[in-house]
Protein backbone atom coordinates (compact mmCIF):
# COMPACT_ATOMS: atom_id res chain seq x y z
CA MET A 1 -25.52 30.02 -114.29
CA ASN A 2 -27.05 26.79 -112.98
CA GLY A 3 -25.18 23.57 -112.23
CA THR A 4 -25.76 22.00 -115.64
CA SER A 5 -24.58 25.12 -117.47
CA PHE A 6 -21.50 25.26 -115.24
CA LYS A 7 -20.69 21.64 -116.09
CA ASN A 8 -21.22 22.15 -119.83
CA LYS A 9 -19.03 25.24 -119.84
CA LEU A 10 -16.24 23.38 -118.07
CA ASN A 11 -16.38 20.67 -120.72
CA SER A 12 -16.63 22.97 -123.75
CA ASP A 13 -14.74 26.16 -122.86
CA SER A 14 -11.04 25.62 -122.18
CA SER A 15 -10.45 29.25 -121.18
CA PHE A 16 -13.22 29.05 -118.59
CA ARG A 17 -11.85 25.72 -117.35
CA ASN A 18 -8.40 27.26 -117.00
CA ALA A 19 -9.83 30.24 -115.13
CA VAL A 20 -11.67 27.90 -112.75
CA GLY A 21 -8.50 25.87 -112.26
CA GLN A 22 -6.61 29.02 -111.29
CA ILE A 23 -9.29 29.90 -108.75
CA ILE A 24 -9.08 26.40 -107.23
CA ASN A 25 -5.27 26.29 -107.38
CA ASN A 26 -4.21 23.32 -105.22
CA ASN A 27 -5.78 20.01 -106.25
CA SER A 28 -7.66 21.62 -109.15
CA GLU A 29 -7.70 18.41 -111.20
CA TYR A 30 -9.68 16.62 -108.49
CA TYR A 31 -12.45 19.25 -108.39
CA LEU A 32 -12.57 19.80 -112.15
CA GLU A 33 -13.01 16.07 -112.72
CA LYS A 34 -15.76 15.87 -110.10
CA TRP A 35 -17.66 18.81 -111.60
CA LYS A 36 -17.19 17.79 -115.24
CA THR A 37 -18.63 14.31 -114.63
CA SER A 38 -21.40 15.18 -112.18
CA LYS A 39 -24.98 15.29 -113.41
CA ASN A 40 -25.54 18.55 -111.55
CA PRO A 41 -22.37 19.75 -109.77
CA PHE A 42 -24.30 22.35 -107.75
CA LYS A 43 -26.35 19.59 -106.08
CA TYR A 44 -23.91 16.72 -105.69
CA SER A 45 -20.33 16.38 -106.91
CA GLY A 46 -19.14 13.28 -105.11
CA TRP A 47 -17.96 12.55 -101.58
CA ASN A 48 -15.19 14.64 -100.00
CA TRP A 49 -13.31 12.97 -97.14
CA ALA A 50 -11.55 16.13 -96.01
CA ALA A 51 -14.84 18.00 -95.78
CA PHE A 52 -16.27 15.12 -93.73
CA LEU A 53 -13.38 14.52 -91.32
CA VAL A 54 -12.20 18.10 -90.70
CA SER A 55 -15.12 20.20 -91.88
CA PRO A 56 -14.17 23.60 -90.39
CA VAL A 57 -10.53 23.23 -91.43
CA TRP A 58 -11.47 22.34 -94.99
CA LEU A 59 -14.01 25.18 -95.19
CA ALA A 60 -11.50 27.76 -93.96
CA TYR A 61 -8.77 26.31 -96.19
CA ARG A 62 -11.04 26.83 -99.21
CA HIS A 63 -12.12 30.35 -98.09
CA MET A 64 -15.71 29.21 -97.41
CA TYR A 65 -15.93 31.36 -94.29
CA LEU A 66 -19.72 31.72 -94.07
CA TRP A 67 -20.11 27.95 -94.03
CA ALA A 68 -17.38 27.71 -91.38
CA VAL A 69 -19.33 30.19 -89.23
CA LEU A 70 -22.49 28.11 -89.69
CA TYR A 71 -20.58 25.02 -88.61
CA PHE A 72 -19.50 26.70 -85.37
CA LEU A 73 -23.01 28.00 -84.78
CA LEU A 74 -24.08 24.36 -84.85
CA LEU A 75 -21.39 23.56 -82.28
CA LEU A 76 -22.65 26.46 -80.19
CA LEU A 77 -26.13 24.95 -80.38
CA THR A 78 -24.64 21.62 -79.27
CA VAL A 79 -23.08 23.31 -76.23
CA ALA A 80 -26.33 25.14 -75.43
CA VAL A 81 -28.34 21.93 -75.57
CA ALA A 82 -25.77 20.16 -73.38
CA TYR A 83 -26.12 22.77 -70.63
CA THR A 84 -29.91 23.03 -70.89
CA PHE A 85 -30.42 19.29 -71.26
CA PRO A 86 -32.12 18.97 -67.85
CA VAL A 87 -34.82 21.30 -69.17
CA ILE A 88 -35.29 19.11 -72.25
CA ILE A 89 -35.44 15.94 -70.16
CA TYR A 90 -37.97 17.58 -67.86
CA TYR A 91 -40.37 18.51 -70.66
CA THR A 92 -39.86 15.59 -73.05
CA ALA A 93 -39.00 12.63 -70.78
CA LEU A 94 -35.96 11.78 -72.92
CA PRO A 95 -33.45 9.38 -71.34
CA GLU A 96 -30.26 10.94 -70.00
CA GLU A 97 -28.22 8.79 -72.41
CA SER A 98 -29.58 10.91 -75.26
CA LEU A 99 -27.28 13.75 -74.10
CA PHE A 100 -24.26 11.63 -75.04
CA VAL A 101 -25.92 10.76 -78.34
CA TRP A 102 -26.52 14.45 -79.05
CA ARG A 103 -22.92 15.40 -78.31
CA VAL A 104 -21.62 12.73 -80.65
CA ILE A 105 -24.18 12.83 -83.44
CA SER A 106 -24.47 16.59 -83.99
CA PRO A 107 -20.81 17.08 -85.12
CA PHE A 108 -21.05 13.79 -87.03
CA LEU A 109 -24.15 14.98 -88.91
CA ALA A 110 -22.45 18.28 -89.70
CA GLY A 111 -19.44 16.39 -91.08
CA LEU A 112 -21.75 14.10 -93.03
CA PHE A 113 -23.46 17.11 -94.60
CA PHE A 114 -20.19 18.66 -95.74
CA GLY A 115 -18.87 15.29 -96.88
CA PHE A 116 -21.85 14.97 -99.22
CA LYS A 117 -22.34 18.62 -100.15
CA GLY A 118 -18.84 20.11 -99.79
CA ASN A 119 -17.83 19.74 -103.45
CA ALA A 120 -21.18 21.13 -104.60
CA LEU A 121 -20.96 24.12 -102.26
CA TYR A 122 -17.43 24.79 -103.42
CA ALA A 123 -18.55 24.56 -107.07
CA LYS A 124 -21.08 27.31 -106.44
CA GLN A 125 -18.45 29.52 -104.83
CA VAL A 126 -15.91 28.99 -107.61
CA ASN A 127 -18.57 29.62 -110.26
CA ARG A 128 -19.60 32.85 -108.52
CA ILE A 129 -16.01 34.09 -108.36
CA ALA A 130 -15.34 33.11 -111.98
CA GLY A 131 -18.50 34.86 -113.17
CA PHE A 132 -17.67 37.96 -111.18
CA ARG A 133 -14.19 38.14 -112.68
CA GLU A 134 -15.52 37.67 -116.21
CA ASN A 135 -17.81 40.66 -115.84
CA SER A 136 -15.75 42.99 -113.67
CA ASN A 137 -12.20 44.24 -113.39
CA GLU A 138 -12.52 44.53 -109.62
CA GLN A 139 -12.12 41.80 -107.03
CA GLY A 140 -15.14 42.76 -104.96
CA ALA A 141 -15.21 41.91 -101.26
CA PRO A 142 -11.76 40.30 -100.77
CA LEU A 143 -12.81 38.01 -97.93
CA PHE A 144 -15.47 36.24 -100.00
CA ASN A 145 -13.76 36.29 -103.40
CA LYS A 146 -10.37 34.80 -102.66
CA SER A 147 -8.94 32.14 -104.92
CA GLY A 148 -6.65 29.26 -104.06
CA THR A 149 -6.23 28.02 -100.51
CA SER A 150 -5.15 29.38 -97.15
CA ALA A 151 -3.22 27.25 -94.67
CA VAL A 152 -3.25 30.21 -92.25
CA SER A 153 -7.04 30.29 -92.24
CA ALA A 154 -7.14 26.54 -91.63
CA VAL A 155 -4.99 27.00 -88.51
CA LEU A 156 -6.74 30.13 -87.26
CA VAL A 157 -10.13 28.48 -87.48
CA PHE A 158 -9.46 26.79 -84.13
CA ALA A 159 -8.72 30.13 -82.48
CA ALA A 160 -11.94 31.50 -83.97
CA ALA A 161 -13.82 28.49 -82.60
CA ALA A 162 -12.44 29.09 -79.11
CA PHE A 163 -13.40 32.76 -79.38
CA LEU A 164 -16.98 31.83 -80.32
CA ILE A 165 -17.58 28.73 -78.19
CA TYR A 166 -15.62 29.21 -74.96
CA PRO A 167 -17.29 32.42 -73.67
CA ALA A 168 -20.72 30.98 -74.45
CA ALA A 169 -19.87 27.73 -72.65
CA VAL A 170 -18.64 29.63 -69.58
CA TRP A 171 -21.80 31.74 -69.49
CA MET A 172 -24.08 28.72 -69.86
CA SER A 173 -22.18 26.83 -67.17
CA SER A 174 -22.55 29.79 -64.82
CA TRP A 175 -26.25 30.02 -65.62
CA ALA A 176 -26.76 26.30 -64.92
CA GLU A 177 -24.91 26.48 -61.60
CA ASN A 178 -26.63 29.63 -60.34
CA THR A 179 -30.21 28.89 -61.36
CA PRO A 180 -32.11 28.30 -58.09
CA LEU A 181 -33.65 24.91 -57.40
CA PRO A 182 -37.35 24.68 -56.58
CA GLU A 183 -38.32 23.71 -53.05
CA GLY A 184 -37.97 19.99 -52.41
CA VAL A 185 -35.79 17.05 -51.36
CA TYR A 186 -33.18 15.66 -53.76
CA ILE A 187 -30.99 12.54 -53.61
CA TYR A 188 -27.75 12.37 -55.57
CA MET A 189 -24.45 10.49 -55.65
CA GLU A 190 -21.51 12.07 -53.85
CA GLY A 191 -19.03 13.45 -56.38
CA SER A 192 -21.62 13.72 -59.15
CA PRO A 193 -23.10 17.04 -60.36
CA PRO A 194 -25.72 18.44 -57.98
CA PRO A 195 -29.39 18.34 -58.98
CA SER A 196 -30.45 20.77 -61.69
CA PRO A 197 -33.40 23.19 -61.55
CA PHE A 198 -35.45 20.68 -63.54
CA THR A 199 -34.61 17.55 -61.53
CA SER A 200 -37.81 15.85 -60.51
CA THR A 201 -38.45 15.45 -56.76
CA GLU A 202 -41.09 12.77 -57.40
CA GLU A 203 -39.00 10.32 -59.43
CA VAL A 204 -37.77 7.16 -57.67
CA LEU A 205 -34.03 7.11 -58.33
CA VAL A 206 -32.10 3.85 -58.65
CA PHE A 207 -28.52 3.43 -57.41
CA GLU A 208 -26.27 0.39 -57.53
CA LYS A 209 -24.88 -1.09 -54.33
CA TYR A 210 -21.16 -0.34 -53.82
CA SER A 211 -21.43 2.64 -56.16
CA GLY A 212 -20.58 5.22 -53.49
CA ALA A 213 -22.11 7.51 -50.88
CA LEU A 214 -25.49 9.17 -51.27
CA GLU A 215 -26.27 12.77 -50.35
CA VAL A 216 -29.57 14.42 -49.52
CA LEU A 217 -30.24 18.03 -50.51
CA TYR A 218 -33.08 20.08 -49.07
CA VAL A 219 -34.16 23.39 -50.59
CA GLY A 220 -36.74 25.45 -48.70
CA GLU A 221 -38.46 28.76 -49.18
CA GLU A 222 -36.63 30.47 -46.30
CA PRO A 223 -33.49 29.95 -44.19
CA ILE A 224 -33.66 27.19 -41.55
CA GLY A 225 -32.35 29.44 -38.79
CA ASP A 226 -32.59 28.04 -35.26
CA ARG A 227 -35.42 25.67 -36.08
CA THR A 228 -34.87 21.94 -35.59
CA PHE A 229 -33.85 20.29 -38.83
CA GLU A 230 -34.42 16.51 -38.91
CA VAL A 231 -33.63 13.85 -41.51
CA VAL A 232 -35.45 10.52 -41.22
CA LEU A 233 -34.39 7.61 -43.42
CA SER A 234 -36.63 4.54 -43.77
CA HIS A 235 -36.24 1.26 -45.67
CA ARG A 236 -38.37 -1.58 -46.97
CA GLU A 237 -37.49 -4.60 -49.08
CA ASN A 238 -40.33 -4.03 -51.57
CA GLU A 239 -43.60 -2.17 -51.94
CA ASP A 240 -45.52 -4.92 -50.13
CA ALA A 241 -43.37 -4.63 -47.00
CA SER A 242 -43.77 -2.04 -44.24
CA TRP A 243 -41.35 0.85 -43.73
CA GLU A 244 -38.68 0.47 -41.04
CA LYS A 245 -36.74 3.45 -39.73
CA VAL A 246 -33.01 3.21 -40.50
CA SER A 247 -31.78 6.49 -39.03
CA GLU A 248 -33.07 9.71 -37.52
CA ARG A 249 -30.73 12.67 -37.21
CA SER A 250 -31.38 16.19 -35.91
CA TYR A 251 -29.36 19.33 -36.59
CA GLY A 252 -29.37 22.63 -34.74
CA PHE A 253 -28.75 25.67 -36.93
CA PHE A 254 -28.45 26.49 -40.65
CA THR A 255 -28.19 30.03 -41.98
CA SER A 256 -29.26 29.02 -45.49
CA ASN A 257 -32.44 27.64 -47.04
CA ARG A 258 -30.31 25.05 -48.82
CA VAL A 259 -28.87 22.14 -46.85
CA SER A 260 -26.80 19.23 -48.22
CA LEU A 261 -25.94 16.31 -45.91
CA HIS A 262 -24.47 12.83 -46.08
CA LEU A 263 -27.32 10.31 -46.15
CA LEU A 264 -26.19 6.74 -46.75
CA ASP A 265 -23.13 4.69 -47.77
CA ALA A 266 -24.32 2.56 -50.68
CA ASP A 267 -20.88 0.94 -50.81
CA ASN A 268 -21.14 -0.34 -47.24
CA PRO A 269 -21.60 -4.15 -47.29
CA LEU A 270 -24.13 -3.81 -44.44
CA THR A 271 -26.36 -1.47 -46.44
CA ASN A 272 -29.48 -3.34 -47.53
CA THR A 273 -30.85 -3.29 -51.04
CA GLY A 274 -34.46 -2.30 -51.56
CA GLU A 275 -36.52 0.87 -51.37
CA TYR A 276 -35.63 3.91 -49.26
CA LYS A 277 -37.50 7.02 -48.18
CA ALA A 278 -35.81 10.20 -46.96
CA GLU A 279 -38.06 12.64 -45.09
CA ILE A 280 -37.16 16.17 -44.01
CA PHE A 281 -38.86 17.65 -40.92
CA ILE A 282 -38.49 21.21 -39.65
CA ASP A 283 -39.83 21.68 -36.12
CA GLU A 284 -41.54 18.29 -36.56
CA GLU A 285 -43.39 19.48 -39.67
CA LEU A 286 -42.83 17.33 -42.77
CA LYS A 287 -41.29 19.52 -45.48
CA GLY A 288 -40.48 17.01 -48.20
CA THR A 289 -39.88 13.39 -49.14
CA ALA A 290 -37.58 11.72 -51.65
CA MET A 291 -37.71 8.08 -52.72
CA PHE A 292 -34.84 6.00 -54.05
CA GLU A 293 -33.84 2.37 -54.50
CA ILE A 294 -30.58 0.47 -54.11
CA ILE A 295 -30.07 -2.60 -56.28
CA ASN A 296 -27.32 -5.19 -56.66
């Protein structure tokens, strides 16, 4: 039965309408009115605020479990993109602000979809159950042929979400933290997340004065050992000026190939604005350079 036939049968067959009402149970008048007046209730049957605002709760409440699973798969995709966003930025040059947009807009778009299509999707389910009961004395698969509503399912949907999303988020977080960085020199703000495997070592980073302390991270191919490790920091007001050495510090021994050190206090009033260059030398051999800028 297509949407138009479903609508016509609701309007002309009182026994069918009563059977559908019993399947819907709570708030049956609302759905029957929507479906009876829609041009094609299987395509669009009016806006549903509950389906928009609390999509997974509404889906579980109406026994639409497959759609609830699809909703949480979308959330899982949102989490996956959030943790792999450095990869996306690296290959597409998207601004970092787009991560926030993604986190906000993906659940919003899902809610928007169910707000527009929720009544139509529910019409298809109710029609399927009604047709099955007309032609069979058996209930079929109980999980997908339940009538009425379920407050228990609406509550348990959050536990199901945690079961699906949390382990995946933990695994992705562990993957992001343990993925090795490529060899290079990285500048980052103290207290912020460390550089990711796809952080560019060639990009000139910009930091605001008085924003905090800056750290330098060096990642090499092999442990430093007893070789002389030296950090040279230079400054110039602009690209037309010449570089002037700000500091030069040497360190004796590191057992790892990864070294993170304090570089500069951007919140110090005596720290000049302008361009900076951090160079890493090992036994006087230049191993990497990172550029950054401090602005007012």
